[in-house]
Amino acid sequence: MSSTNTALSAEAESLIPQLETALREGELSVPMLPEVAGKVVSLSQDPDSDASRLAQLIQGDQSLAGHVMRIANSAAYSPNGSMVSLQQAITRLGMNLISDIALAASISTKMFDAPGFEEHIDRIWQHSLTTALWSKEIARICRRNVEATFLCGLLHSIGRPVVLQAVIEISRDKQLPLTREDILILESTYQREVGAKVVDKWEMPKIVCDAVLHFDNYEEANLAKDQTTMVNGGAQFASHVLDPEALDLETLKGLPVLADLNLYQDEVERLLDMKDAIASTREAMSA
């Protein structure tokens, strides 16, 4: 059971037993992961997979295939020439990068129904995507698994929109009007526990489940400690670039997670030099 903020109204407090029962008994409404996204994850984890299998999988969904090709041909990925086929894109950009693009394209804010919070969910998604991209660069510098880190970063806040949707549904069923503050407090309180259940239901690798659950306490992530720490660091860089007033540069550089990642000052500067490139990539993947 999660502890809740004392600022909750009496109406919000009255929803907690039903919310926790739904969470405990697995009755929360979790959006279906697009079938192709699950298969892309499986292929990306399979050392025997090849480019033709990935191309065939993505081509099975014409909408996704078109989206992936648009992103692959964007200035962020192909500034010097256009690619005409998925096979060509995979050959030039690599299976792992095309898998990342396909995953980001498959999982979208349209999966969630939380009236009045559409912009909030979009900000959550933009932060998650930006976190995934920064986490990949941190993983490169730390010489860790880049692909697993991207997936952990992409899904690290997936519990937030699910909690929002659940709270809105329960409050509507009980005819209890909640303030926006109430809903956001409940989102923050339960998002880690719910997020871990979502990625487990989506049959994501265990390292992703652990990273989602232990994001705020990465020291407790056991075998996923490296990825979780890198994703936490990636999230801080994402917060800085998306809202530098909320997290200024000097505060970012002094965060304990950067020391825990053993990032030297010159490595932090190298990461910061990637800011424009990451912003361009995020814009392309969000298109």
Protein backbone atom coordinates (compact mmCIF):
# COMPACT_ATOMS: atom_id res chain seq x y z
CA MET A 1 0.00 0.00 0.00
CA SER A 2 1.33 3.45 -0.91
CA SER A 3 1.36 6.38 1.46
CA THR A 4 -0.54 9.42 0.23
CA ASN A 5 0.01 13.13 0.55
CA THR A 6 -1.82 14.82 3.44
CA ALA A 7 -2.91 17.60 1.03
CA LEU A 8 -5.53 15.28 -0.46
CA SER A 9 -9.15 16.32 -0.06
CA ALA A 10 -11.63 14.12 1.79
CA GLU A 11 -13.20 13.16 -1.56
CA ALA A 12 -9.85 11.96 -2.89
CA GLU A 13 -9.08 10.08 0.32
CA SER A 14 -12.37 8.20 -0.07
CA LEU A 15 -11.23 6.86 -3.46
CA ILE A 16 -8.04 5.33 -2.15
CA PRO A 17 -9.49 1.98 -0.91
CA GLN A 18 -11.11 1.28 -4.29
CA LEU A 19 -7.99 2.37 -6.16
CA GLU A 20 -5.73 0.17 -4.05
CA THR A 21 -8.12 -2.79 -4.34
CA ALA A 22 -8.11 -2.43 -8.12
CA LEU A 23 -4.33 -2.23 -8.07
CA ARG A 24 -3.93 -5.22 -5.74
CA GLU A 25 -6.37 -7.41 -7.68
CA GLY A 26 -5.10 -6.41 -11.12
CA GLU A 27 -8.34 -4.70 -12.11
CA LEU A 28 -6.90 -1.42 -13.35
CA SER A 29 -7.66 -0.67 -16.99
CA VAL A 30 -4.32 -1.12 -18.74
CA PRO A 31 -4.19 -0.18 -22.44
CA MET A 32 -3.32 -2.94 -24.85
CA LEU A 33 0.22 -2.78 -26.18
CA PRO A 34 0.06 -2.81 -29.99
CA GLU A 35 0.94 -6.32 -31.12
CA VAL A 36 3.69 -5.09 -33.40
CA ALA A 37 5.36 -3.23 -30.50
CA GLY A 38 5.58 -6.40 -28.43
CA LYS A 39 7.07 -8.28 -31.37
CA VAL A 40 9.60 -5.49 -31.98
CA VAL A 41 10.74 -5.80 -28.35
CA SER A 42 11.09 -9.58 -28.73
CA LEU A 43 13.10 -9.19 -31.92
CA SER A 44 15.35 -6.56 -30.37
CA GLN A 45 16.13 -8.99 -27.52
CA ASP A 46 16.80 -11.91 -29.89
CA PRO A 47 20.47 -12.23 -30.87
CA ASP A 48 19.47 -14.37 -33.86
CA SER A 49 17.08 -11.83 -35.38
CA ASP A 50 17.97 -10.13 -38.65
CA ALA A 51 17.05 -7.07 -40.67
CA SER A 52 14.66 -8.91 -42.99
CA ARG A 53 12.55 -10.17 -40.08
CA LEU A 54 12.31 -6.68 -38.61
CA ALA A 55 11.41 -5.18 -42.00
CA GLN A 56 8.73 -7.82 -42.57
CA LEU A 57 7.28 -7.22 -39.10
CA ILE A 58 7.02 -3.45 -39.50
CA GLN A 59 5.69 -3.72 -43.06
CA GLY A 60 2.80 -5.76 -41.69
CA ASP A 61 1.44 -2.49 -40.26
CA GLN A 62 1.29 0.00 -43.13
CA SER A 63 0.60 2.97 -40.88
CA LEU A 64 3.58 2.15 -38.68
CA ALA A 65 5.78 1.43 -41.70
CA GLY A 66 4.97 4.84 -43.16
CA HIS A 67 5.66 6.55 -39.84
CA VAL A 68 8.99 4.78 -39.41
CA MET A 69 10.07 5.72 -42.94
CA ARG A 70 9.11 9.38 -42.38
CA ILE A 71 11.26 9.48 -39.26
CA ALA A 72 14.12 7.56 -40.88
CA ASN A 73 14.12 10.10 -43.73
CA SER A 74 14.03 13.12 -41.43
CA ALA A 75 16.95 15.51 -41.17
CA ALA A 76 17.83 14.01 -37.80
CA TYR A 77 18.63 10.62 -39.32
CA SER A 78 19.19 11.10 -43.07
CA PRO A 79 20.47 14.62 -43.76
CA ASN A 80 22.26 13.60 -46.96
CA GLY A 81 19.85 11.34 -48.77
CA SER A 82 16.46 9.70 -48.92
CA MET A 83 15.79 6.04 -48.20
CA VAL A 84 13.14 4.25 -50.23
CA SER A 85 12.61 1.00 -48.30
CA LEU A 86 12.56 -0.31 -44.76
CA GLN A 87 15.29 -2.79 -45.62
CA GLN A 88 17.49 0.08 -46.77
CA ALA A 89 16.67 2.10 -43.63
CA ILE A 90 17.53 -0.84 -41.38
CA THR A 91 20.78 -1.46 -43.26
CA ARG A 92 21.83 2.18 -43.03
CA LEU A 93 20.59 3.05 -39.54
CA GLY A 94 20.80 -0.36 -37.87
CA MET A 95 18.21 -2.71 -36.38
CA ASN A 96 18.43 -1.23 -32.91
CA LEU A 97 17.72 2.32 -34.02
CA ILE A 98 14.82 1.28 -36.26
CA SER A 99 13.45 -0.78 -33.34
CA ASP A 100 13.60 2.33 -31.12
CA ILE A 101 11.78 4.37 -33.76
CA ALA A 102 9.10 1.70 -34.19
CA LEU A 103 8.55 1.41 -30.44
CA ALA A 104 8.25 5.15 -29.96
CA ALA A 105 5.80 5.29 -32.86
CA SER A 106 3.70 2.40 -31.50
CA ILE A 107 3.29 3.70 -27.96
CA SER A 108 1.49 7.02 -27.98
CA THR A 109 -0.69 9.30 -25.88
CA LYS A 110 -3.71 8.10 -27.87
CA MET A 111 -3.60 4.89 -25.84
CA PHE A 112 -4.98 6.72 -22.80
CA ASP A 113 -8.37 8.25 -22.02
CA ALA A 114 -8.07 10.97 -19.39
CA PRO A 115 -10.34 13.88 -20.36
CA GLY A 116 -8.90 17.24 -19.40
CA PHE A 117 -5.38 15.88 -19.02
CA GLU A 118 -4.42 15.44 -22.66
CA GLU A 119 -1.72 18.13 -22.55
CA HIS A 120 -0.39 16.76 -19.27
CA ILE A 121 -0.10 13.26 -20.74
CA ASP A 122 1.61 14.68 -23.82
CA ARG A 123 4.19 16.36 -21.56
CA ILE A 124 4.72 13.05 -19.74
CA TRP A 125 5.32 11.32 -23.07
CA GLN A 126 7.66 14.03 -24.37
CA HIS A 127 9.66 13.80 -21.15
CA SER A 128 9.78 9.99 -21.39
CA LEU A 129 10.98 10.06 -24.99
CA THR A 130 13.58 12.71 -24.17
CA THR A 131 14.68 10.64 -21.16
CA ALA A 132 15.10 7.58 -23.38
CA LEU A 133 17.31 9.51 -25.81
CA TRP A 134 19.48 11.01 -23.08
CA SER A 135 19.72 7.64 -21.34
CA LYS A 136 21.10 6.09 -24.54
CA GLU A 137 23.86 8.69 -24.68
CA ILE A 138 24.69 8.19 -21.01
CA ALA A 139 24.84 4.44 -21.64
CA ARG A 140 27.29 5.00 -24.50
CA ILE A 141 29.59 7.06 -22.32
CA CYS A 142 29.28 4.54 -19.47
CA ARG A 143 29.81 1.65 -21.94
CA ARG A 144 26.56 -0.08 -20.99
CA ASN A 145 23.69 -1.71 -22.92
CA VAL A 146 22.31 1.14 -25.00
CA GLU A 147 19.19 -0.62 -26.32
CA ALA A 148 17.88 -1.86 -22.98
CA THR A 149 18.45 1.59 -21.52
CA PHE A 150 16.36 3.25 -24.24
CA LEU A 151 13.42 0.95 -23.52
CA CYS A 152 13.70 1.55 -19.77
CA GLY A 153 13.75 5.30 -20.34
CA LEU A 154 10.83 5.24 -22.75
CA LEU A 155 8.60 3.42 -20.25
CA HIS A 156 9.86 4.77 -16.93
CA SER A 157 6.75 6.95 -16.39
CA ILE A 158 4.16 4.74 -18.10
CA GLY A 159 2.28 4.40 -14.81
CA ARG A 160 1.36 8.09 -14.74
CA PRO A 161 -1.28 8.16 -17.51
CA VAL A 162 -2.67 4.81 -16.34
CA VAL A 163 -3.21 6.20 -12.83
CA LEU A 164 -4.78 9.35 -14.26
CA GLN A 165 -7.20 7.30 -16.31
CA ALA A 166 -8.08 5.04 -13.35
CA VAL A 167 -8.64 7.91 -10.92
CA ILE A 168 -10.87 9.76 -13.39
CA GLU A 169 -12.91 6.61 -14.07
CA ILE A 170 -13.36 5.76 -10.36
CA SER A 171 -14.26 9.34 -9.41
CA ARG A 172 -16.79 9.46 -12.25
CA ASP A 173 -18.36 6.15 -11.17
CA LYS A 174 -18.63 7.35 -7.56
CA GLN A 175 -19.76 10.82 -8.67
CA LEU A 176 -17.05 12.45 -6.61
CA PRO A 177 -15.63 15.65 -8.10
CA LEU A 178 -11.88 15.84 -7.58
CA THR A 179 -9.63 18.85 -7.94
CA ARG A 180 -6.80 18.77 -10.45
CA GLU A 181 -4.40 18.84 -7.50
CA ASP A 182 -6.05 15.73 -6.01
CA ILE A 183 -5.66 13.82 -9.26
CA LEU A 184 -2.02 14.81 -9.71
CA ILE A 185 -1.17 13.82 -6.13
CA LEU A 186 -2.73 10.38 -6.66
CA GLU A 187 -0.86 10.07 -9.96
CA SER A 188 2.46 10.78 -8.25
CA THR A 189 1.69 8.48 -5.32
CA TYR A 190 0.77 5.37 -7.29
CA GLN A 191 2.59 5.74 -10.61
CA ARG A 192 5.60 3.56 -9.78
CA GLU A 193 3.59 0.58 -8.53
CA VAL A 194 1.13 0.88 -11.40
CA GLY A 195 3.90 1.37 -13.97
CA ALA A 196 5.59 -1.85 -12.89
CA LYS A 197 2.31 -3.72 -13.34
CA VAL A 198 1.79 -2.21 -16.78
CA VAL A 199 5.18 -3.27 -18.15
CA ASP A 200 4.77 -6.69 -16.55
CA LYS A 201 1.38 -7.11 -18.27
CA TRP A 202 3.00 -6.01 -21.51
CA GLU A 203 5.58 -8.79 -20.96
CA MET A 204 8.52 -6.43 -21.09
CA PRO A 205 11.97 -7.71 -20.04
CA LYS A 206 12.45 -7.88 -16.27
CA ILE A 207 15.11 -5.20 -16.42
CA VAL A 208 12.42 -2.76 -17.62
CA CYS A 209 10.04 -3.77 -14.81
CA ASP A 210 12.77 -3.23 -12.22
CA ALA A 211 13.80 0.11 -13.71
CA VAL A 212 10.21 1.39 -13.62
CA LEU A 213 9.60 0.21 -10.06
CA HIS A 214 12.91 1.41 -8.59
CA PHE A 215 13.43 4.56 -10.65
CA ASP A 216 13.32 6.82 -7.59
CA ASN A 217 15.56 4.50 -5.53
CA TYR A 218 17.96 3.11 -8.11
CA GLU A 219 20.27 1.69 -5.44
CA GLU A 220 17.56 -0.91 -4.77
CA ALA A 221 17.22 -2.04 -8.40
CA ASN A 222 19.52 -5.05 -7.96
CA LEU A 223 20.46 -6.47 -11.38
CA ALA A 224 18.85 -3.48 -13.09
CA LYS A 225 20.81 -0.95 -11.03
CA ASP A 226 23.00 0.24 -13.91
CA GLN A 227 20.10 0.80 -16.30
CA THR A 228 17.92 2.38 -13.61
CA THR A 229 20.67 4.79 -12.56
CA MET A 230 21.31 5.78 -16.18
CA VAL A 231 17.60 6.32 -16.79
CA ASN A 232 17.35 8.44 -13.65
CA GLY A 233 20.27 10.48 -14.93
CA GLY A 234 18.69 10.70 -18.37
CA ALA A 235 15.48 11.97 -16.80
CA GLN A 236 17.41 14.79 -15.09
CA PHE A 237 18.96 15.88 -18.38
CA ALA A 238 15.52 15.69 -19.97
CA SER A 239 14.02 17.85 -17.23
CA HIS A 240 16.77 20.41 -17.67
CA VAL A 241 16.45 20.77 -21.45
CA LEU A 242 12.64 20.76 -21.42
CA ASP A 243 12.33 23.24 -18.53
CA PRO A 244 15.68 24.87 -17.65
CA GLU A 245 14.01 27.21 -15.19
CA ALA A 246 12.75 24.28 -13.14
CA LEU A 247 16.17 22.54 -13.21
CA ASP A 248 19.01 24.92 -14.01
CA LEU A 249 22.39 23.84 -15.34
CA GLU A 250 24.36 24.24 -12.11
CA THR A 251 21.80 22.27 -10.13
CA LEU A 252 21.85 19.54 -12.77
CA LYS A 253 25.64 19.26 -12.61
CA GLY A 254 25.50 18.90 -8.82
CA LEU A 255 22.92 16.11 -8.69
CA PRO A 256 24.08 12.97 -6.82
CA VAL A 257 23.00 10.68 -9.67
CA LEU A 258 25.74 12.11 -11.91
CA ALA A 259 28.33 11.22 -9.27
CA ASP A 260 26.75 7.78 -8.88
CA LEU A 261 27.18 7.30 -12.63
CA ASN A 262 30.89 8.21 -12.25
CA LEU A 263 30.48 10.88 -14.90
CA TYR A 264 33.47 13.22 -14.98
CA GLN A 265 33.03 16.90 -15.73
CA ASP A 266 34.30 16.54 -19.30
CA GLU A 267 31.83 13.69 -19.88
CA VAL A 268 28.96 15.82 -18.60
CA GLU A 269 30.05 18.57 -21.00
CA ARG A 270 30.16 16.05 -23.86
CA LEU A 271 26.60 15.06 -23.03
CA LEU A 272 25.44 18.66 -22.92
CA ASP A 273 27.00 19.24 -26.35
CA MET A 274 24.48 16.69 -27.67
CA LYS A 275 21.51 18.84 -26.63
CA ASP A 276 20.64 20.11 -30.11
CA ALA A 277 21.06 16.70 -31.75
CA ILE A 278 18.82 15.05 -29.14
CA ALA A 279 16.21 17.79 -29.53
CA SER A 280 16.21 17.23 -33.29
CA THR A 281 15.83 13.48 -32.83
CA ARG A 282 12.99 13.91 -30.34
CA GLU A 283 11.14 16.23 -32.71
CA ALA A 284 11.54 13.71 -35.53
CA MET A 285 10.30 10.82 -33.38
CA SER A 286 7.36 12.91 -32.13
CA ALA A 287 6.20 13.87 -35.61
